[in-house]
N, C-alpha and C. Protein backbone atom coordinates (compact mmCIF):
# COMPACT_ATOMS: atom_id res chain seq x y z
N UNK A 1 -28.65 -29.15 -48.57
CA UNK A 1 -28.81 -30.49 -49.14
C UNK A 1 -27.69 -30.73 -50.15
N UNK A 2 -27.19 -31.93 -50.17
CA UNK A 2 -26.08 -32.24 -51.06
C UNK A 2 -26.45 -33.39 -52.00
N UNK A 3 -25.70 -33.46 -53.07
CA UNK A 3 -25.83 -34.53 -54.05
C UNK A 3 -24.71 -35.53 -53.76
N UNK A 4 -24.97 -36.79 -53.99
CA UNK A 4 -24.01 -37.84 -53.65
C UNK A 4 -23.51 -38.53 -54.91
N UNK A 5 -22.19 -38.74 -54.98
CA UNK A 5 -21.57 -39.50 -56.06
C UNK A 5 -20.67 -40.55 -55.43
N UNK A 6 -20.78 -41.79 -55.88
CA UNK A 6 -19.98 -42.89 -55.33
C UNK A 6 -18.91 -43.29 -56.33
N UNK A 7 -17.67 -43.38 -55.84
CA UNK A 7 -16.56 -43.83 -56.66
C UNK A 7 -16.02 -45.14 -56.12
N UNK A 8 -14.92 -45.62 -56.70
CA UNK A 8 -14.32 -46.88 -56.24
C UNK A 8 -13.72 -46.75 -54.85
N UNK A 9 -13.09 -45.60 -54.57
CA UNK A 9 -12.36 -45.44 -53.32
C UNK A 9 -12.98 -44.44 -52.37
N UNK A 10 -14.05 -43.76 -52.82
CA UNK A 10 -14.58 -42.67 -52.01
C UNK A 10 -16.04 -42.37 -52.35
N UNK A 11 -16.60 -41.51 -51.52
CA UNK A 11 -17.92 -40.96 -51.77
C UNK A 11 -17.73 -39.45 -51.84
N UNK A 12 -18.39 -38.80 -52.80
CA UNK A 12 -18.27 -37.35 -52.95
C UNK A 12 -19.64 -36.72 -52.70
N UNK A 13 -19.65 -35.77 -51.79
CA UNK A 13 -20.85 -34.99 -51.49
C UNK A 13 -20.69 -33.65 -52.20
N UNK A 14 -21.65 -33.33 -53.07
CA UNK A 14 -21.59 -32.10 -53.86
C UNK A 14 -22.53 -31.05 -53.27
N UNK A 15 -21.98 -29.90 -52.98
CA UNK A 15 -22.75 -28.76 -52.49
C UNK A 15 -22.71 -27.68 -53.56
N UNK A 16 -23.29 -26.52 -53.29
CA UNK A 16 -23.36 -25.47 -54.32
C UNK A 16 -22.00 -25.08 -54.87
N UNK A 17 -21.05 -24.77 -54.00
CA UNK A 17 -19.76 -24.24 -54.45
C UNK A 17 -18.57 -25.13 -54.09
N UNK A 18 -18.81 -26.20 -53.36
CA UNK A 18 -17.70 -27.06 -52.96
C UNK A 18 -18.13 -28.53 -52.96
N UNK A 19 -17.13 -29.40 -52.92
CA UNK A 19 -17.37 -30.84 -52.86
C UNK A 19 -16.53 -31.40 -51.71
N UNK A 20 -17.07 -32.42 -51.05
CA UNK A 20 -16.35 -33.09 -49.97
C UNK A 20 -16.18 -34.55 -50.39
N UNK A 21 -14.92 -34.95 -50.54
CA UNK A 21 -14.60 -36.33 -50.93
C UNK A 21 -14.18 -37.07 -49.67
N UNK A 22 -14.88 -38.17 -49.37
CA UNK A 22 -14.65 -38.92 -48.14
C UNK A 22 -14.20 -40.34 -48.50
N UNK A 23 -13.05 -40.72 -47.96
CA UNK A 23 -12.48 -42.04 -48.22
C UNK A 23 -12.75 -42.98 -47.05
N UNK A 24 -12.92 -44.25 -47.36
CA UNK A 24 -13.01 -45.27 -46.32
C UNK A 24 -11.62 -45.50 -45.74
N UNK A 25 -11.57 -45.94 -44.50
CA UNK A 25 -10.29 -46.17 -43.82
C UNK A 25 -9.37 -47.11 -44.61
N UNK A 26 -9.95 -48.13 -45.24
CA UNK A 26 -9.11 -49.08 -45.98
C UNK A 26 -8.45 -48.44 -47.20
N UNK A 27 -8.90 -47.24 -47.58
CA UNK A 27 -8.30 -46.51 -48.70
C UNK A 27 -7.51 -45.29 -48.23
N UNK A 28 -6.97 -45.34 -47.03
CA UNK A 28 -6.18 -44.23 -46.47
C UNK A 28 -5.03 -43.84 -47.43
N UNK A 29 -4.35 -44.83 -47.98
CA UNK A 29 -3.23 -44.55 -48.88
C UNK A 29 -3.72 -43.77 -50.11
N UNK A 30 -4.88 -44.14 -50.65
CA UNK A 30 -5.45 -43.42 -51.79
C UNK A 30 -5.78 -41.98 -51.41
N UNK A 31 -6.31 -41.80 -50.20
CA UNK A 31 -6.60 -40.45 -49.69
C UNK A 31 -5.32 -39.61 -49.65
N UNK A 32 -4.26 -40.21 -49.11
CA UNK A 32 -2.99 -39.49 -49.00
C UNK A 32 -2.43 -39.12 -50.37
N UNK A 33 -2.57 -40.01 -51.35
CA UNK A 33 -2.12 -39.70 -52.71
C UNK A 33 -2.96 -38.58 -53.31
N UNK A 34 -4.26 -38.62 -53.12
CA UNK A 34 -5.14 -37.57 -53.63
C UNK A 34 -4.70 -36.21 -53.08
N UNK A 35 -4.50 -36.14 -51.77
CA UNK A 35 -4.10 -34.89 -51.12
C UNK A 35 -2.73 -34.44 -51.62
N UNK A 36 -1.79 -35.37 -51.70
CA UNK A 36 -0.43 -35.05 -52.13
C UNK A 36 -0.42 -34.43 -53.53
N UNK A 37 -1.07 -35.10 -54.47
CA UNK A 37 -1.01 -34.63 -55.85
C UNK A 37 -1.85 -33.37 -56.06
N UNK A 38 -3.02 -33.27 -55.43
CA UNK A 38 -3.81 -32.05 -55.56
C UNK A 38 -3.06 -30.86 -54.97
N UNK A 39 -2.38 -31.07 -53.86
CA UNK A 39 -1.60 -29.99 -53.24
C UNK A 39 -0.45 -29.57 -54.15
N UNK A 40 0.28 -30.53 -54.66
CA UNK A 40 1.42 -30.26 -55.54
C UNK A 40 1.00 -29.52 -56.81
N UNK A 41 -0.18 -29.85 -57.32
CA UNK A 41 -0.62 -29.31 -58.61
C UNK A 41 -1.42 -28.01 -58.51
N UNK A 42 -1.72 -27.53 -57.31
CA UNK A 42 -2.50 -26.31 -57.14
C UNK A 42 -1.96 -25.13 -57.97
N UNK A 43 -0.66 -24.87 -57.98
CA UNK A 43 -0.16 -23.68 -58.71
C UNK A 43 -0.39 -23.71 -60.21
N UNK A 44 -0.67 -24.87 -60.78
CA UNK A 44 -0.79 -24.99 -62.23
C UNK A 44 -2.22 -24.73 -62.73
N UNK A 45 -3.19 -24.67 -61.83
CA UNK A 45 -4.54 -24.26 -62.18
C UNK A 45 -5.37 -25.25 -62.97
N UNK A 46 -5.00 -26.53 -62.97
CA UNK A 46 -5.84 -27.49 -63.69
C UNK A 46 -6.38 -28.60 -62.78
N UNK A 47 -6.35 -28.36 -61.48
CA UNK A 47 -6.99 -29.26 -60.52
C UNK A 47 -7.92 -28.41 -59.68
N UNK A 48 -8.95 -29.02 -59.06
CA UNK A 48 -9.85 -28.24 -58.22
C UNK A 48 -9.08 -27.57 -57.07
N UNK A 49 -9.51 -26.39 -56.71
CA UNK A 49 -8.88 -25.68 -55.60
C UNK A 49 -9.18 -26.41 -54.29
N UNK A 50 -8.14 -26.62 -53.50
CA UNK A 50 -8.30 -27.29 -52.20
C UNK A 50 -8.71 -26.25 -51.16
N UNK A 51 -9.74 -26.58 -50.36
CA UNK A 51 -10.17 -25.68 -49.29
C UNK A 51 -9.74 -26.19 -47.92
N UNK A 52 -9.85 -27.50 -47.71
CA UNK A 52 -9.55 -28.05 -46.38
C UNK A 52 -9.29 -29.55 -46.50
N UNK A 53 -8.36 -30.05 -45.69
CA UNK A 53 -8.08 -31.49 -45.64
C UNK A 53 -8.22 -31.95 -44.19
N UNK A 54 -9.05 -32.95 -43.96
CA UNK A 54 -9.25 -33.54 -42.65
C UNK A 54 -8.55 -34.91 -42.66
N UNK A 55 -7.33 -34.95 -42.11
CA UNK A 55 -6.54 -36.19 -42.14
C UNK A 55 -7.14 -37.27 -41.26
N UNK A 56 -7.78 -36.89 -40.16
CA UNK A 56 -8.40 -37.89 -39.27
C UNK A 56 -9.65 -38.49 -39.90
N UNK A 57 -10.47 -37.64 -40.51
CA UNK A 57 -11.72 -38.10 -41.11
C UNK A 57 -11.59 -38.54 -42.56
N UNK A 58 -10.37 -38.44 -43.12
CA UNK A 58 -10.10 -38.81 -44.51
C UNK A 58 -11.02 -38.07 -45.48
N UNK A 59 -11.14 -36.75 -45.28
CA UNK A 59 -12.02 -35.91 -46.08
C UNK A 59 -11.22 -34.81 -46.76
N UNK A 60 -11.55 -34.58 -48.02
CA UNK A 60 -10.94 -33.49 -48.79
C UNK A 60 -12.08 -32.57 -49.23
N UNK A 61 -12.00 -31.31 -48.82
CA UNK A 61 -12.98 -30.32 -49.24
C UNK A 61 -12.33 -29.47 -50.32
N UNK A 62 -12.99 -29.40 -51.47
CA UNK A 62 -12.41 -28.73 -52.64
C UNK A 62 -13.48 -28.03 -53.45
N UNK A 63 -13.03 -27.28 -54.44
CA UNK A 63 -13.90 -26.59 -55.38
C UNK A 63 -14.81 -27.59 -56.09
N UNK A 64 -16.09 -27.23 -56.20
CA UNK A 64 -17.01 -28.06 -56.97
C UNK A 64 -16.93 -27.65 -58.43
N UNK A 65 -16.82 -28.63 -59.29
CA UNK A 65 -16.80 -28.39 -60.72
C UNK A 65 -18.14 -28.84 -61.29
N UNK A 66 -18.80 -27.96 -62.00
CA UNK A 66 -20.12 -28.29 -62.52
C UNK A 66 -20.16 -28.35 -64.04
N UNK A 67 -19.03 -28.50 -64.64
CA UNK A 67 -18.96 -28.45 -66.10
C UNK A 67 -19.31 -29.76 -66.78
N UNK A 68 -18.79 -29.91 -67.98
CA UNK A 68 -19.07 -31.09 -68.79
C UNK A 68 -17.82 -31.96 -68.88
N UNK A 69 -18.03 -33.21 -69.18
CA UNK A 69 -16.90 -34.13 -69.38
C UNK A 69 -16.24 -33.81 -70.71
N UNK A 70 -14.98 -34.14 -70.80
CA UNK A 70 -14.19 -33.79 -71.98
C UNK A 70 -14.79 -34.31 -73.28
N UNK A 71 -15.34 -35.50 -73.29
CA UNK A 71 -15.89 -36.09 -74.51
C UNK A 71 -17.02 -35.28 -75.11
N UNK A 72 -17.68 -34.46 -74.30
CA UNK A 72 -18.80 -33.64 -74.75
C UNK A 72 -18.34 -32.32 -75.38
N UNK A 73 -17.08 -31.97 -75.20
CA UNK A 73 -16.65 -30.65 -75.68
C UNK A 73 -15.23 -30.68 -76.25
N UNK A 74 -14.93 -31.71 -77.01
CA UNK A 74 -13.63 -31.79 -77.68
C UNK A 74 -13.54 -30.65 -78.70
N UNK A 75 -12.52 -29.88 -78.58
CA UNK A 75 -12.26 -28.78 -79.51
C UNK A 75 -10.83 -28.35 -79.36
N UNK A 76 -10.40 -27.48 -80.23
CA UNK A 76 -9.00 -27.06 -80.27
C UNK A 76 -8.51 -26.52 -78.92
N UNK A 77 -9.25 -25.59 -78.33
CA UNK A 77 -8.84 -24.95 -77.08
C UNK A 77 -8.76 -25.96 -75.93
N UNK A 78 -9.76 -26.80 -75.83
CA UNK A 78 -9.80 -27.81 -74.76
C UNK A 78 -8.67 -28.82 -74.92
N UNK A 79 -8.49 -29.32 -76.13
CA UNK A 79 -7.43 -30.30 -76.39
C UNK A 79 -6.06 -29.68 -76.14
N UNK A 80 -5.87 -28.44 -76.56
CA UNK A 80 -4.59 -27.77 -76.34
C UNK A 80 -4.27 -27.69 -74.85
N UNK A 81 -5.26 -27.31 -74.04
CA UNK A 81 -5.02 -27.21 -72.59
C UNK A 81 -4.76 -28.60 -71.99
N UNK A 82 -5.47 -29.61 -72.45
CA UNK A 82 -5.25 -30.98 -71.96
C UNK A 82 -3.83 -31.44 -72.28
N UNK A 83 -3.37 -31.15 -73.49
CA UNK A 83 -2.01 -31.52 -73.88
C UNK A 83 -0.99 -30.85 -72.96
N UNK A 84 -1.20 -29.56 -72.70
CA UNK A 84 -0.29 -28.82 -71.81
C UNK A 84 -0.30 -29.42 -70.40
N UNK A 85 -1.47 -29.76 -69.89
CA UNK A 85 -1.58 -30.36 -68.55
C UNK A 85 -0.89 -31.72 -68.50
N UNK A 86 -1.06 -32.51 -69.54
CA UNK A 86 -0.39 -33.82 -69.61
C UNK A 86 1.12 -33.64 -69.62
N UNK A 87 1.59 -32.65 -70.36
CA UNK A 87 3.03 -32.38 -70.41
C UNK A 87 3.55 -31.97 -69.03
N UNK A 88 2.81 -31.12 -68.33
CA UNK A 88 3.21 -30.71 -66.98
C UNK A 88 3.31 -31.94 -66.07
N UNK A 89 2.31 -32.80 -66.12
CA UNK A 89 2.34 -34.03 -65.30
C UNK A 89 3.57 -34.88 -65.66
N UNK A 90 3.83 -35.03 -66.96
CA UNK A 90 4.97 -35.83 -67.40
C UNK A 90 6.29 -35.24 -66.89
N UNK A 91 6.45 -33.93 -67.00
CA UNK A 91 7.68 -33.27 -66.55
C UNK A 91 7.86 -33.44 -65.04
N UNK A 92 6.76 -33.38 -64.31
CA UNK A 92 6.82 -33.55 -62.85
C UNK A 92 7.00 -35.01 -62.42
N UNK A 93 6.85 -35.94 -63.38
CA UNK A 93 7.00 -37.36 -63.05
C UNK A 93 5.78 -37.95 -62.39
N UNK A 94 4.61 -37.39 -62.67
CA UNK A 94 3.36 -37.88 -62.10
C UNK A 94 2.58 -38.61 -63.19
N UNK A 95 2.27 -39.87 -62.96
CA UNK A 95 1.43 -40.60 -63.92
C UNK A 95 0.03 -40.69 -63.35
N UNK A 96 -0.91 -40.06 -64.03
CA UNK A 96 -2.30 -40.03 -63.56
C UNK A 96 -2.97 -41.38 -63.72
N UNK A 97 -2.64 -42.12 -64.74
CA UNK A 97 -3.13 -43.47 -65.04
C UNK A 97 -4.50 -43.55 -65.69
N UNK A 98 -5.14 -42.46 -65.92
CA UNK A 98 -6.49 -42.50 -66.51
C UNK A 98 -6.55 -41.81 -67.86
N UNK A 99 -5.43 -41.49 -68.45
CA UNK A 99 -5.44 -40.60 -69.59
C UNK A 99 -5.81 -41.25 -70.92
N UNK A 100 -5.82 -42.56 -71.02
CA UNK A 100 -6.27 -43.16 -72.28
C UNK A 100 -7.79 -43.31 -72.31
N UNK A 101 -8.43 -43.09 -71.16
CA UNK A 101 -9.90 -43.02 -71.10
C UNK A 101 -10.29 -42.00 -70.03
N UNK A 102 -10.03 -40.71 -70.34
CA UNK A 102 -10.21 -39.66 -69.33
C UNK A 102 -11.62 -39.10 -69.22
N UNK A 103 -12.59 -39.78 -69.80
CA UNK A 103 -13.96 -39.26 -69.84
C UNK A 103 -14.50 -38.78 -68.51
N UNK A 104 -14.21 -39.46 -67.44
CA UNK A 104 -14.69 -39.06 -66.12
C UNK A 104 -13.65 -38.26 -65.34
N UNK A 105 -12.47 -38.07 -65.90
CA UNK A 105 -11.37 -37.49 -65.15
C UNK A 105 -10.93 -36.12 -65.63
N UNK A 106 -11.53 -35.64 -66.72
CA UNK A 106 -11.27 -34.28 -67.19
C UNK A 106 -12.61 -33.57 -67.33
N UNK A 107 -12.74 -32.47 -66.59
CA UNK A 107 -13.98 -31.68 -66.57
C UNK A 107 -13.68 -30.32 -67.17
N UNK A 108 -14.56 -29.85 -68.04
CA UNK A 108 -14.42 -28.53 -68.63
C UNK A 108 -15.49 -27.64 -67.99
N UNK A 109 -15.01 -26.65 -67.22
CA UNK A 109 -15.89 -25.77 -66.45
C UNK A 109 -15.25 -24.39 -66.39
N UNK A 110 -15.30 -23.64 -67.50
CA UNK A 110 -14.63 -22.35 -67.56
C UNK A 110 -13.12 -22.51 -67.71
N UNK A 111 -12.66 -23.70 -67.64
CA UNK A 111 -11.26 -24.08 -67.79
C UNK A 111 -11.23 -25.59 -67.86
N UNK A 112 -10.06 -26.15 -67.98
CA UNK A 112 -9.92 -27.61 -68.03
C UNK A 112 -9.38 -28.07 -66.69
N UNK A 113 -10.06 -29.06 -66.08
CA UNK A 113 -9.68 -29.56 -64.77
C UNK A 113 -9.50 -31.07 -64.80
N UNK A 114 -8.40 -31.52 -64.23
CA UNK A 114 -8.15 -32.95 -64.06
C UNK A 114 -8.55 -33.29 -62.62
N UNK A 115 -9.31 -34.37 -62.47
CA UNK A 115 -9.76 -34.77 -61.13
C UNK A 115 -9.37 -36.22 -60.85
N UNK A 116 -9.55 -36.62 -59.62
CA UNK A 116 -9.33 -38.01 -59.18
C UNK A 116 -7.87 -38.44 -59.31
N UNK A 117 -7.09 -38.07 -58.32
CA UNK A 117 -5.67 -38.42 -58.32
C UNK A 117 -5.33 -39.53 -57.34
N UNK A 118 -6.34 -40.25 -56.84
CA UNK A 118 -6.05 -41.29 -55.84
C UNK A 118 -5.29 -42.49 -56.42
N UNK A 119 -5.30 -42.65 -57.73
CA UNK A 119 -4.54 -43.75 -58.35
C UNK A 119 -3.22 -43.28 -58.94
N UNK A 120 -2.97 -41.98 -58.91
CA UNK A 120 -1.74 -41.43 -59.49
C UNK A 120 -0.51 -41.95 -58.74
N UNK A 121 0.62 -41.87 -59.44
CA UNK A 121 1.87 -42.32 -58.82
C UNK A 121 3.04 -41.57 -59.46
N UNK A 122 4.14 -41.55 -58.72
CA UNK A 122 5.36 -41.00 -59.27
C UNK A 122 6.01 -42.07 -60.13
N UNK A 123 6.51 -41.66 -61.27
CA UNK A 123 7.10 -42.62 -62.20
C UNK A 123 8.22 -41.94 -62.98
N UNK A 124 9.27 -42.68 -63.24
CA UNK A 124 10.42 -42.12 -63.96
C UNK A 124 10.03 -41.68 -65.37
N UNK A 125 9.24 -42.48 -66.05
CA UNK A 125 8.80 -42.15 -67.41
C UNK A 125 7.26 -42.21 -67.48
N UNK A 126 6.60 -41.17 -67.00
CA UNK A 126 5.14 -41.17 -67.06
C UNK A 126 4.65 -41.08 -68.50
N UNK A 127 3.40 -41.47 -68.71
CA UNK A 127 2.89 -41.50 -70.09
C UNK A 127 1.53 -40.83 -70.22
N UNK A 128 1.34 -39.71 -69.56
CA UNK A 128 0.06 -39.00 -69.66
C UNK A 128 -0.21 -38.50 -71.07
N UNK A 129 0.77 -37.84 -71.65
CA UNK A 129 0.58 -37.30 -73.01
C UNK A 129 0.40 -38.42 -74.02
N UNK A 130 1.21 -39.45 -73.94
CA UNK A 130 1.09 -40.54 -74.91
C UNK A 130 -0.25 -41.26 -74.75
N UNK A 131 -0.71 -41.44 -73.52
CA UNK A 131 -2.02 -42.06 -73.31
C UNK A 131 -3.14 -41.16 -73.85
N UNK A 132 -3.01 -39.85 -73.64
CA UNK A 132 -4.03 -38.93 -74.12
C UNK A 132 -4.12 -38.95 -75.65
N UNK A 133 -2.99 -39.13 -76.33
CA UNK A 133 -3.03 -39.20 -77.79
C UNK A 133 -3.80 -40.45 -78.24
N UNK A 134 -3.75 -41.52 -77.46
CA UNK A 134 -4.54 -42.72 -77.76
C UNK A 134 -6.03 -42.39 -77.65
N UNK A 135 -6.40 -41.66 -76.62
CA UNK A 135 -7.80 -41.23 -76.44
C UNK A 135 -8.28 -40.39 -77.63
N UNK A 136 -7.43 -39.52 -78.12
CA UNK A 136 -7.82 -38.63 -79.23
C UNK A 136 -8.13 -39.39 -80.51
N UNK A 137 -7.62 -40.62 -80.66
CA UNK A 137 -7.93 -41.43 -81.84
C UNK A 137 -9.43 -41.66 -81.98
N UNK A 138 -10.15 -41.71 -80.84
CA UNK A 138 -11.61 -41.86 -80.86
C UNK A 138 -12.29 -40.76 -81.66
N UNK A 139 -11.62 -39.62 -81.75
CA UNK A 139 -12.18 -38.46 -82.43
C UNK A 139 -11.53 -38.22 -83.79
N UNK A 140 -10.82 -39.25 -84.27
CA UNK A 140 -10.20 -39.18 -85.59
C UNK A 140 -8.90 -38.42 -85.62
N UNK A 141 -8.33 -38.12 -84.47
CA UNK A 141 -7.07 -37.39 -84.41
C UNK A 141 -5.94 -38.40 -84.24
N UNK A 142 -5.14 -38.53 -85.28
CA UNK A 142 -4.06 -39.54 -85.27
C UNK A 142 -2.71 -38.86 -85.29
N UNK A 143 -1.73 -39.58 -84.77
CA UNK A 143 -0.37 -39.06 -84.66
C UNK A 143 0.60 -40.17 -85.05
N UNK A 144 1.68 -39.80 -85.71
CA UNK A 144 2.68 -40.79 -86.11
C UNK A 144 3.34 -41.40 -84.87
N UNK A 145 3.51 -42.72 -84.89
CA UNK A 145 4.08 -43.42 -83.74
C UNK A 145 5.50 -42.99 -83.44
N UNK A 146 6.26 -42.63 -84.46
CA UNK A 146 7.64 -42.21 -84.21
C UNK A 146 7.71 -40.94 -83.35
N UNK A 147 6.71 -40.05 -83.49
CA UNK A 147 6.68 -38.83 -82.67
C UNK A 147 6.40 -39.17 -81.20
N UNK A 148 5.50 -40.12 -81.01
CA UNK A 148 5.17 -40.55 -79.65
C UNK A 148 6.38 -41.24 -79.02
N UNK A 149 7.04 -42.11 -79.77
CA UNK A 149 8.23 -42.81 -79.26
C UNK A 149 9.34 -41.82 -78.89
N UNK A 150 9.55 -40.84 -79.76
CA UNK A 150 10.60 -39.85 -79.50
C UNK A 150 10.30 -39.08 -78.21
N UNK A 151 9.04 -38.69 -78.05
CA UNK A 151 8.62 -37.97 -76.83
C UNK A 151 8.80 -38.86 -75.60
N UNK A 152 8.38 -40.11 -75.71
CA UNK A 152 8.48 -41.04 -74.58
C UNK A 152 9.94 -41.26 -74.18
N UNK A 153 10.83 -41.32 -75.18
CA UNK A 153 12.25 -41.51 -74.92
C UNK A 153 12.85 -40.28 -74.24
N UNK A 154 12.42 -39.09 -74.70
CA UNK A 154 12.94 -37.84 -74.13
C UNK A 154 11.81 -36.82 -73.98
N UNK A 155 11.28 -36.75 -72.77
CA UNK A 155 10.20 -35.80 -72.48
C UNK A 155 10.82 -34.41 -72.34
N UNK A 156 10.56 -33.58 -73.34
CA UNK A 156 11.06 -32.20 -73.28
C UNK A 156 10.11 -31.30 -74.08
N UNK A 157 10.30 -29.99 -73.95
CA UNK A 157 9.41 -29.02 -74.58
C UNK A 157 9.45 -29.14 -76.10
N UNK A 158 10.61 -29.38 -76.69
CA UNK A 158 10.73 -29.48 -78.15
C UNK A 158 9.88 -30.63 -78.69
N UNK A 159 10.03 -31.82 -78.12
CA UNK A 159 9.25 -32.97 -78.58
C UNK A 159 7.76 -32.76 -78.32
N UNK A 160 7.46 -32.13 -77.19
CA UNK A 160 6.06 -31.83 -76.89
C UNK A 160 5.45 -30.89 -77.93
N UNK A 161 6.17 -29.84 -78.28
CA UNK A 161 5.64 -28.85 -79.24
C UNK A 161 5.40 -29.47 -80.61
N UNK A 162 6.23 -30.40 -81.02
CA UNK A 162 6.01 -31.08 -82.30
C UNK A 162 4.68 -31.83 -82.27
N UNK A 163 4.44 -32.57 -81.20
CA UNK A 163 3.18 -33.31 -81.04
C UNK A 163 2.01 -32.34 -80.96
N UNK A 164 2.15 -31.31 -80.16
CA UNK A 164 1.09 -30.33 -79.99
C UNK A 164 0.69 -29.72 -81.34
N UNK A 165 1.67 -29.28 -82.12
CA UNK A 165 1.37 -28.66 -83.42
C UNK A 165 0.64 -29.64 -84.35
N UNK A 166 1.10 -30.90 -84.38
CA UNK A 166 0.46 -31.91 -85.25
C UNK A 166 -0.99 -32.14 -84.85
N UNK A 167 -1.23 -32.25 -83.56
CA UNK A 167 -2.59 -32.50 -83.08
C UNK A 167 -3.48 -31.29 -83.34
N UNK A 168 -3.01 -30.11 -83.04
CA UNK A 168 -3.83 -28.90 -83.22
C UNK A 168 -4.11 -28.62 -84.70
N UNK A 169 -3.24 -29.08 -85.56
CA UNK A 169 -3.45 -28.94 -87.01
C UNK A 169 -4.72 -29.69 -87.45
N UNK A 170 -5.08 -30.74 -86.71
CA UNK A 170 -6.30 -31.51 -87.00
C UNK A 170 -7.56 -30.67 -86.87
N UNK A 171 -7.48 -29.55 -86.15
CA UNK A 171 -8.66 -28.71 -85.92
C UNK A 171 -8.78 -27.57 -86.92
N UNK A 172 -7.84 -27.49 -87.87
CA UNK A 172 -7.88 -26.40 -88.86
C UNK A 172 -8.81 -26.72 -90.01
């Protein structure tokens, strides 16, 4: 027996250890983006593990995540991993598009996992990290705008580490 979750572009059937995400034909492009980005991001360990892709049936079978949403477990370790994941996405030129309100898109389940990549896109100047810093304001974590601008102008490890240190200092 499976549990059912309905999204904008798909239906997800949840089983004990895996989930099957099924897209409607009119959302074929979204299915292809989901598969593309999940496949590309597998080596980084912050997306669900892919088990099988059915291109004809528009189905993605992947690891089931049973953890909590990020808003329920904001803490230094979780935020640090989210920042690192956002930086990886930015360096790869992938804009997830959900990072200023990631409540349903980041799951904490023994690790930090980003889900739902059907709206993601390749972009010259992605803004995952900068959007995530906007989300952190909800929890009283603020960052100087000049640091965000500098990072946005030049996405690199040095600018990232400055932001990371400032944000993590909020947890001391």
